[in-house]
C-alpha atoms as a PDB file:
ATOM      1  CA  UNK A   1      19.521 -15.543  -1.842  1.00  0.00           C
ATOM      2  CA  UNK A   2      21.295 -13.540  -0.497  1.00  0.00           C
ATOM      3  CA  UNK A   3      18.434 -12.894   1.913  1.00  0.00           C
ATOM      4  CA  UNK A   4      15.187 -11.017   2.568  1.00  0.00           C
ATOM      5  CA  UNK A   5      15.966 -10.263   6.209  1.00  0.00           C
ATOM      6  CA  UNK A   6      16.399  -6.497   5.816  1.00  0.00           C
ATOM      7  CA  UNK A   7      13.500  -6.032   3.362  1.00  0.00           C
ATOM      8  CA  UNK A   8      10.538  -4.163   4.868  1.00  0.00           C
ATOM      9  CA  UNK A   9       8.019  -4.606   2.021  1.00  0.00           C
ATOM     10  CA  UNK A  10       6.554  -7.592   0.176  1.00  0.00           C
ATOM     11  CA  UNK A  11       8.665  -8.081  -2.942  1.00  0.00           C
ATOM     12  CA  UNK A  12       5.611  -9.364  -4.820  1.00  0.00           C
ATOM     13  CA  UNK A  13       3.951  -5.955  -4.457  1.00  0.00           C
ATOM     14  CA  UNK A  14       6.858  -3.489  -4.226  1.00  0.00           C
ATOM     15  CA  UNK A  15      10.581  -3.583  -4.896  1.00  0.00           C
ATOM     16  CA  UNK A  16      12.474  -3.766  -1.576  1.00  0.00           C
ATOM     17  CA  UNK A  17      15.571  -1.572  -1.388  1.00  0.00           C
ATOM     18  CA  UNK A  18      18.198  -2.381   1.250  1.00  0.00           C
ATOM     19  CA  UNK A  19      20.711   0.360   2.077  1.00  0.00           C
ATOM     20  CA  UNK A  20      22.880  -1.491   4.616  1.00  0.00           C
ATOM     21  CA  UNK A  21      26.647  -1.204   4.164  1.00  0.00           C
ATOM     22  CA  UNK A  22      28.914  -4.006   3.023  1.00  0.00           C
ATOM     23  CA  UNK A  23      30.018  -4.940   6.552  1.00  0.00           C
ATOM     24  CA  UNK A  24      26.427  -5.502   7.667  1.00  0.00           C
ATOM     25  CA  UNK A  25      25.578  -7.450   4.524  1.00  0.00           C
ATOM     26  CA  UNK A  26      28.681  -9.585   5.015  1.00  0.00           C
ATOM     27  CA  UNK A  27      27.210 -10.758   8.321  1.00  0.00           C
ATOM     28  CA  UNK A  28      23.879 -11.437   6.641  1.00  0.00           C
ATOM     29  CA  UNK A  29      25.325 -13.825   4.061  1.00  0.00           C
ATOM     30  CA  UNK A  30      27.257 -15.954   6.560  1.00  0.00           C
ATOM     31  CA  UNK A  31      24.412 -18.501   6.956  1.00  0.00           C
ATOM     32  CA  UNK A  32      24.270 -18.927   3.200  1.00  0.00           C
ATOM     33  CA  UNK A  33      27.927 -19.968   3.129  1.00  0.00           C
ATOM     34  CA  UNK A  34      27.055 -22.998   5.256  1.00  0.00           C
ATOM     35  CA  UNK A  35      24.582 -24.011   2.547  1.00  0.00           C
ATOM     36  CA  UNK A  36      26.835 -23.244  -0.411  1.00  0.00           C
ATOM     37  CA  UNK A  37      26.980 -26.912  -1.406  1.00  0.00           C
ATOM     38  CA  UNK A  38      23.197 -27.166  -1.797  1.00  0.00           C
ATOM     39  CA  UNK A  39      22.180 -28.458  -5.238  1.00  0.00           C
ATOM     40  CA  UNK A  40      19.862 -25.520  -5.963  1.00  0.00           C
ATOM     41  CA  UNK A  41      18.978 -22.042  -4.715  1.00  0.00           C
ATOM     42  CA  UNK A  42      16.725 -19.076  -5.505  1.00  0.00           C
ATOM     43  CA  UNK A  43      17.550 -15.419  -6.039  1.00  0.00           C
ATOM     44  CA  UNK A  44      15.614 -12.767  -4.122  1.00  0.00           C
ATOM     45  CA  UNK A  45      13.933  -9.816  -5.842  1.00  0.00           C
ATOM     46  CA  UNK A  46      15.622  -7.185  -3.653  1.00  0.00           C
ATOM     47  CA  UNK A  47      17.927  -4.265  -4.494  1.00  0.00           C
ATOM     48  CA  UNK A  48      21.073  -4.116  -2.336  1.00  0.00           C
ATOM     49  CA  UNK A  49      22.280  -0.555  -2.952  1.00  0.00           C
ATOM     50  CA  UNK A  50      25.830  -1.319  -1.806  1.00  0.00           C
ATOM     51  CA  UNK A  51      26.272  -4.152  -4.283  1.00  0.00           C
ATOM     52  CA  UNK A  52      24.154  -2.943  -7.229  1.00  0.00           C
ATOM     53  CA  UNK A  53      22.407   0.429  -6.868  1.00  0.00           C
ATOM     54  CA  UNK A  54      19.955  -0.201  -9.728  1.00  0.00           C
ATOM     55  CA  UNK A  55      19.057  -3.857 -10.262  1.00  0.00           C
ATOM     56  CA  UNK A  56      17.386  -6.399  -7.957  1.00  0.00           C
ATOM     57  CA  UNK A  57      19.366  -9.569  -7.412  1.00  0.00           C
ATOM     58  CA  UNK A  58      17.183 -11.509  -9.868  1.00  0.00           C
ATOM     59  CA  UNK A  59      18.349  -9.216 -12.694  1.00  0.00           C
ATOM     60  CA  UNK A  60      21.829  -8.298 -11.435  1.00  0.00           C
ATOM     61  CA  UNK A  61      24.823 -10.042 -13.034  1.00  0.00           C
ATOM     62  CA  UNK A  62      27.027  -8.254 -10.496  1.00  0.00           C
ATOM     63  CA  UNK A  63      25.331  -9.667  -7.393  1.00  0.00           C
ATOM     64  CA  UNK A  64      24.901 -13.117  -8.909  1.00  0.00           C
ATOM     65  CA  UNK A  65      28.530 -13.296 -10.036  1.00  0.00           C
ATOM     66  CA  UNK A  66      30.354 -11.500  -7.225  1.00  0.00           C
ATOM     67  CA  UNK A  67      28.184 -12.223  -4.185  1.00  0.00           C
ATOM     68  CA  UNK A  68      26.243 -15.454  -4.763  1.00  0.00           C
ATOM     69  CA  UNK A  69      28.792 -17.269  -6.911  1.00  0.00           C
ATOM     70  CA  UNK A  70      31.828 -15.479  -5.451  1.00  0.00           C
ATOM     71  CA  UNK A  71      31.612 -14.584  -1.770  1.00  0.00           C
ATOM     72  CA  UNK A  72      28.958 -17.127  -0.830  1.00  0.00           C
ATOM     73  CA  UNK A  73      30.543 -19.754  -3.074  1.00  0.00           C
ATOM     74  CA  UNK A  74      27.281 -21.236  -4.329  1.00  0.00           C
ATOM     75  CA  UNK A  75      27.712 -23.065  -7.645  1.00  0.00           C
ATOM     76  CA  UNK A  76      24.473 -25.051  -7.828  1.00  0.00           C
ATOM     77  CA  UNK A  77      21.362 -24.464  -9.938  1.00  0.00           C
ATOM     78  CA  UNK A  78      20.123 -20.896  -9.420  1.00  0.00           C
ATOM     79  CA  UNK A  79      16.424 -20.171  -9.961  1.00  0.00           C
ATOM     80  CA  UNK A  80      14.236 -17.063  -9.830  1.00  0.00           C
ATOM     81  CA  UNK A  81      11.025 -16.605  -7.848  1.00  0.00           C
ATOM     82  CA  UNK A  82       7.689 -17.169  -9.598  1.00  0.00           C
ATOM     83  CA  UNK A  83       7.298 -14.108 -11.821  1.00  0.00           C
ATOM     84  CA  UNK A  84       3.696 -15.087 -12.555  1.00  0.00           C
ATOM     85  CA  UNK A  85       2.661 -14.732  -8.905  1.00  0.00           C
ATOM     86  CA  UNK A  86       4.093 -11.225  -8.700  1.00  0.00           C
ATOM     87  CA  UNK A  87       2.279 -10.198 -11.888  1.00  0.00           C
ATOM     88  CA  UNK A  88      -1.036 -11.573 -10.627  1.00  0.00           C
ATOM     89  CA  UNK A  89      -0.749  -9.689  -7.351  1.00  0.00           C
ATOM     90  CA  UNK A  90      -0.203  -6.376  -9.137  1.00  0.00           C
ATOM     91  CA  UNK A  91      -3.174  -6.951 -11.442  1.00  0.00           C
ATOM     92  CA  UNK A  92      -5.395  -8.005  -8.523  1.00  0.00           C
ATOM     93  CA  UNK A  93      -4.351  -5.071  -6.309  1.00  0.00           C
ATOM     94  CA  UNK A  94      -5.049  -2.284  -8.835  1.00  0.00           C
ATOM     95  CA  UNK A  95      -8.087  -1.109 -10.774  1.00  0.00           C
ATOM     96  CA  UNK A  96      -6.760   1.184 -13.525  1.00  0.00           C
ATOM     97  CA  UNK A  97      -4.706   0.230 -16.560  1.00  0.00           C
ATOM     98  CA  UNK A  98      -2.875   2.731 -18.750  1.00  0.00           C
ATOM     99  CA  UNK A  99      -3.902   1.836 -22.283  1.00  0.00           C
ATOM    100  CA  UNK A 100      -1.694   2.696 -25.247  1.00  0.00           C
ATOM    101  CA  UNK A 101      -3.224   2.987 -28.737  1.00  0.00           C
ATOM    102  CA  UNK A 102      -2.237   4.566 -32.055  1.00  0.00           C
ATOM    103  CA  UNK A 103      -4.136   5.962 -35.025  1.00  0.00           C
ATOM    104  CA  UNK A 104      -3.713   4.833 -38.619  1.00  0.00           C
ATOM    105  CA  UNK A 105      -0.631   7.035 -39.053  1.00  0.00           C
ATOM    106  CA  UNK A 106       1.002   5.609 -35.941  1.00  0.00           C
ATOM    107  CA  UNK A 107       0.480   8.641 -33.702  1.00  0.00           C
ATOM    108  CA  UNK A 108       0.331   7.258 -30.127  1.00  0.00           C
ATOM    109  CA  UNK A 109      -2.169   8.015 -27.385  1.00  0.00           C
ATOM    110  CA  UNK A 110      -2.460   6.779 -23.784  1.00  0.00           C
ATOM    111  CA  UNK A 111      -5.575   6.637 -21.635  1.00  0.00           C
ATOM    112  CA  UNK A 112      -6.299   5.387 -18.101  1.00  0.00           C
ATOM    113  CA  UNK A 113      -9.337   3.079 -17.965  1.00  0.00           C
ATOM    114  CA  UNK A 114     -10.982   1.207 -15.095  1.00  0.00           C
ATOM    115  CA  UNK A 115     -10.717  -2.495 -15.883  1.00  0.00           C
ATOM    116  CA  UNK A 116     -12.399  -5.760 -15.070  1.00  0.00           C
ATOM    117  CA  UNK A 117     -10.153  -8.718 -15.716  1.00  0.00           C
ATOM    118  CA  UNK A 118     -11.180 -11.958 -17.393  1.00  0.00           C
ATOM    119  CA  UNK A 119      -8.593 -14.258 -15.904  1.00  0.00           C
ATOM    120  CA  UNK A 120      -5.220 -12.634 -16.582  1.00  0.00           C
ATOM    121  CA  UNK A 121      -5.257 -12.789 -20.358  1.00  0.00           C
ATOM    122  CA  UNK A 122      -8.060 -10.320 -21.066  1.00  0.00           C
ATOM    123  CA  UNK A 123      -9.406  -7.000 -19.742  1.00  0.00           C
ATOM    124  CA  UNK A 124     -12.765  -5.280 -20.108  1.00  0.00           C
ATOM    125  CA  UNK A 125     -13.562  -1.574 -19.884  1.00  0.00           C
ATOM    126  CA  UNK A 126     -16.250   0.879 -20.965  1.00  0.00           C
ATOM    127  CA  UNK A 127     -15.545   4.008 -23.005  1.00  0.00           C
ATOM    128  CA  UNK A 128     -17.293   6.444 -25.292  1.00  0.00           C
ATOM    129  CA  UNK A 129     -16.949   5.308 -28.925  1.00  0.00           C
ATOM    130  CA  UNK A 130     -15.926   8.839 -29.897  1.00  0.00           C
ATOM    131  CA  UNK A 131     -12.989   9.026 -27.468  1.00  0.00           C
ATOM    132  CA  UNK A 132      -9.564   9.046 -29.064  1.00  0.00           C
ATOM    133  CA  UNK A 133      -8.486   5.606 -27.875  1.00  0.00           C
ATOM    134  CA  UNK A 134     -11.791   4.089 -29.066  1.00  0.00           C
ATOM    135  CA  UNK A 135     -11.409   5.698 -32.484  1.00  0.00           C
ATOM    136  CA  UNK A 136      -7.822   4.481 -32.633  1.00  0.00           C
ATOM    137  CA  UNK A 137      -8.934   0.893 -31.994  1.00  0.00           C
ATOM    138  CA  UNK A 138     -11.240   1.141 -34.995  1.00  0.00           C
ATOM    139  CA  UNK A 139      -8.226   1.942 -37.180  1.00  0.00           C
ATOM    140  CA  UNK A 140      -5.549  -0.091 -35.446  1.00  0.00           C
ATOM    141  CA  UNK A 141      -6.527  -2.799 -32.920  1.00  0.00           C
ATOM    142  CA  UNK A 142      -3.030  -3.349 -31.529  1.00  0.00           C
ATOM    143  CA  UNK A 143      -2.573  -2.041 -27.976  1.00  0.00           C
ATOM    144  CA  UNK A 144       0.014  -1.795 -25.254  1.00  0.00           C
ATOM    145  CA  UNK A 145      -0.867  -1.485 -21.577  1.00  0.00           C
ATOM    146  CA  UNK A 146       0.716  -1.168 -18.146  1.00  0.00           C
ATOM    147  CA  UNK A 147      -0.635  -1.696 -14.623  1.00  0.00           C
ATOM    148  CA  UNK A 148       1.294  -0.325 -11.655  1.00  0.00           C
ATOM    149  CA  UNK A 149       0.868   1.149  -8.173  1.00  0.00           C
ATOM    150  CA  UNK A 150       1.732   4.846  -8.374  1.00  0.00           C
ATOM    151  CA  UNK A 151       1.716   5.276  -4.583  1.00  0.00           C
ATOM    152  CA  UNK A 152       4.895   3.312  -3.803  1.00  0.00           C
ATOM    153  CA  UNK A 153       8.138   5.166  -2.910  1.00  0.00           C
ATOM    154  CA  UNK A 154      10.491   6.397  -5.633  1.00  0.00           C
ATOM    155  CA  UNK A 155      12.644   3.633  -7.050  1.00  0.00           C
ATOM    156  CA  UNK A 156      10.463   0.756  -5.781  1.00  0.00           C
ATOM    157  CA  UNK A 157       7.811   0.531  -8.488  1.00  0.00           C
ATOM    158  CA  UNK A 158       7.106  -2.802 -10.186  1.00  0.00           C
ATOM    159  CA  UNK A 159       4.746  -2.925 -13.160  1.00  0.00           C
ATOM    160  CA  UNK A 160       3.004  -5.401 -15.437  1.00  0.00           C
ATOM    161  CA  UNK A 161       3.608  -4.527 -19.115  1.00  0.00           C
ATOM    162  CA  UNK A 162       1.339  -5.999 -21.781  1.00  0.00           C
ATOM    163  CA  UNK A 163       0.755  -6.087 -25.522  1.00  0.00           C
ATOM    164  CA  UNK A 164      -2.185  -7.431 -27.468  1.00  0.00           C
ATOM    165  CA  UNK A 165      -5.244  -6.349 -29.435  1.00  0.00           C
ATOM    166  CA  UNK A 166      -8.608  -4.862 -28.483  1.00  0.00           C
ATOM    167  CA  UNK A 167     -12.066  -4.285 -29.949  1.00  0.00           C
ATOM    168  CA  UNK A 168     -15.604  -3.192 -29.141  1.00  0.00           C
ATOM    169  CA  UNK A 169     -17.725  -6.201 -28.168  1.00  0.00           C
ATOM    170  CA  UNK A 170     -20.936  -7.140 -29.973  1.00  0.00           C
ATOM    171  CA  UNK A 171     -23.302 -10.110 -30.013  1.00  0.00           C
ATOM    172  CA  UNK A 172     -22.722 -13.010 -27.640  1.00  0.00           C
ATOM    173  CA  UNK A 173     -19.289 -11.653 -26.708  1.00  0.00           C
ATOM    174  CA  UNK A 174     -20.992  -8.495 -25.475  1.00  0.00           C
ATOM    175  CA  UNK A 175     -23.555 -10.473 -23.481  1.00  0.00           C
ATOM    176  CA  UNK A 176     -20.844 -12.506 -21.747  1.00  0.00           C
ATOM    177  CA  UNK A 177     -18.564  -9.521 -21.287  1.00  0.00           C
ATOM    178  CA  UNK A 178     -21.104  -7.202 -19.666  1.00  0.00           C
ATOM    179  CA  UNK A 179     -21.972  -9.914 -17.153  1.00  0.00           C
ATOM    180  CA  UNK A 180     -18.322 -10.190 -16.110  1.00  0.00           C
ATOM    181  CA  UNK A 181     -17.884  -6.421 -16.043  1.00  0.00           C
ATOM    182  CA  UNK A 182     -20.986  -5.996 -13.887  1.00  0.00           C
ATOM    183  CA  UNK A 183     -19.858  -8.637 -11.393  1.00  0.00           C
ATOM    184  CA  UNK A 184     -16.461  -7.028 -10.971  1.00  0.00           C
ATOM    185  CA  UNK A 185     -17.994  -3.556 -10.687  1.00  0.00           C
ATOM    186  CA  UNK A 186     -20.362  -4.702  -7.935  1.00  0.00           C
ATOM    187  CA  UNK A 187     -17.555  -6.457  -6.060  1.00  0.00           C
ATOM    188  CA  UNK A 188     -15.566  -3.194  -6.134  1.00  0.00           C
ATOM    189  CA  UNK A 189     -18.492  -1.163  -4.774  1.00  0.00           C
ATOM    190  CA  UNK A 190     -19.713   0.099  -8.138  1.00  0.00           C
ATOM    191  CA  UNK A 191     -22.995  -0.217 -10.000  1.00  0.00           C
ATOM    192  CA  UNK A 192     -24.497  -3.145 -11.843  1.00  0.00           C
ATOM    193  CA  UNK A 193     -24.227  -3.038 -15.640  1.00  0.00           C
ATOM    194  CA  UNK A 194     -26.565  -4.429 -18.281  1.00  0.00           C
ATOM    195  CA  UNK A 195     -26.743  -4.555 -22.073  1.00  0.00           C
ATOM    196  CA  UNK A 196     -28.857  -1.417 -22.038  1.00  0.00           C
ATOM    197  CA  UNK A 197     -25.915   0.522 -20.590  1.00  0.00           C
ATOM    198  CA  UNK A 198     -23.674  -0.239 -23.582  1.00  0.00           C
ATOM    199  CA  UNK A 199     -26.033  -0.522 -26.564  1.00  0.00           C
ATOM    200  CA  UNK A 200     -28.519   1.606 -28.477  1.00  0.00           C
ATOM    201  CA  UNK A 201     -28.609   5.243 -27.388  1.00  0.00           C
ATOM    202  CA  UNK A 202     -26.298   4.660 -24.395  1.00  0.00           C
ATOM    203  CA  UNK A 203     -23.157   6.826 -24.546  1.00  0.00           C
ATOM    204  CA  UNK A 204     -20.763   4.019 -23.563  1.00  0.00           C
ATOM    205  CA  UNK A 205     -19.616   0.808 -25.209  1.00  0.00           C
ATOM    206  CA  UNK A 206     -17.830  -2.241 -23.809  1.00  0.00           C
ATOM    207  CA  UNK A 207     -14.304  -3.050 -25.024  1.00  0.00           C
ATOM    208  CA  UNK A 208     -12.094  -6.071 -24.508  1.00  0.00           C
ATOM    209  CA  UNK A 209      -8.322  -6.446 -24.801  1.00  0.00           C
ATOM    210  CA  UNK A 210      -6.776  -9.860 -25.367  1.00  0.00           C
ATOM    211  CA  UNK A 211      -3.199 -10.014 -24.115  1.00  0.00           C
ATOM    212  CA  UNK A 212      -0.610 -11.873 -26.193  1.00  0.00           C
ATOM    213  CA  UNK A 213       2.572 -10.762 -24.386  1.00  0.00           C
ATOM    214  CA  UNK A 214       3.137  -9.905 -20.737  1.00  0.00           C
ATOM    215  CA  UNK A 215       6.221  -8.819 -18.785  1.00  0.00           C
ATOM    216  CA  UNK A 216       7.036  -7.948 -15.192  1.00  0.00           C
ATOM    217  CA  UNK A 217       9.744  -5.484 -14.252  1.00  0.00           C
ATOM    218  CA  UNK A 218      11.013  -2.027 -13.399  1.00  0.00           C
ATOM    219  CA  UNK A 219      11.465   0.636 -16.099  1.00  0.00           C
ATOM    220  CA  UNK A 220      12.919  -1.073 -19.200  1.00  0.00           C
ATOM    221  CA  UNK A 221      14.245  -4.121 -17.315  1.00  0.00           C
ATOM    222  CA  UNK A 222      11.496  -6.689 -17.768  1.00  0.00           C
ATOM    223  CA  UNK A 223      11.051 -10.437 -17.478  1.00  0.00           C
ATOM    224  CA  UNK A 224       8.408 -12.325 -19.481  1.00  0.00           C
ATOM    225  CA  UNK A 225       5.711 -14.168 -17.580  1.00  0.00           C
ATOM    226  CA  UNK A 226       4.898 -17.745 -18.595  1.00  0.00           C
ATOM    227  CA  UNK A 227       2.133 -18.879 -20.906  1.00  0.00           C
ATOM    228  CA  UNK A 228       0.398 -20.272 -17.806  1.00  0.00           C
ATOM    229  CA  UNK A 229      -0.153 -16.708 -16.577  1.00  0.00           C
ATOM    230  CA  UNK A 230      -2.227 -15.681 -19.597  1.00  0.00           C
ATOM    231  CA  UNK A 231      -4.474 -18.762 -19.331  1.00  0.00           C
ATOM    232  CA  UNK A 232      -4.930 -18.732 -15.535  1.00  0.00           C
ATOM    233  CA  UNK A 233      -8.518 -18.174 -14.316  1.00  0.00           C
END
């Protein structure tokens, strides 16, 4: 509500932006008026430029108050779409995560790394132990991260924002992790990986980030995903 009919992209992957004028949108919401007495409804994750030029309906007090509650006359329980599903689709559709770290003094650094996910609550990547983000993790394990599709049109980007901690893997964690990383690499058309590629004289090491917080949104307008998201396989 108030309708996906004019959206031309999947709102789980991109942010649809509808530029129709108010007269056209008025026609679009007529069917919803006949259902205004329904006990519950769901907002759509679409920007209607005429009604709110910045926020999708899910996050727009203006559209919810003036259009859904006002002009449509709906006063039942209003729900949002499943934020978890949208976050999963973004993570599944992309292969690079922008990793944010900081050194002991708090000086920040960001690095793009190719990731293999372990469910949706953990990510694996390989890096040189002497790279800045690897050195930072040795001093300060806390990380931030974001996954997004940089190819979508201006103003339609939706990203998954994360916070957690990361470390270099050793022992049994390394054995399990390199198996997962190798499987994902092969599935993506890459090479197989073994312990010999990330131990001894090898120049790379395997790292793992465990995610404790996760949000979905545009720019600084974010919605938290549920705890189920972080524990999903």
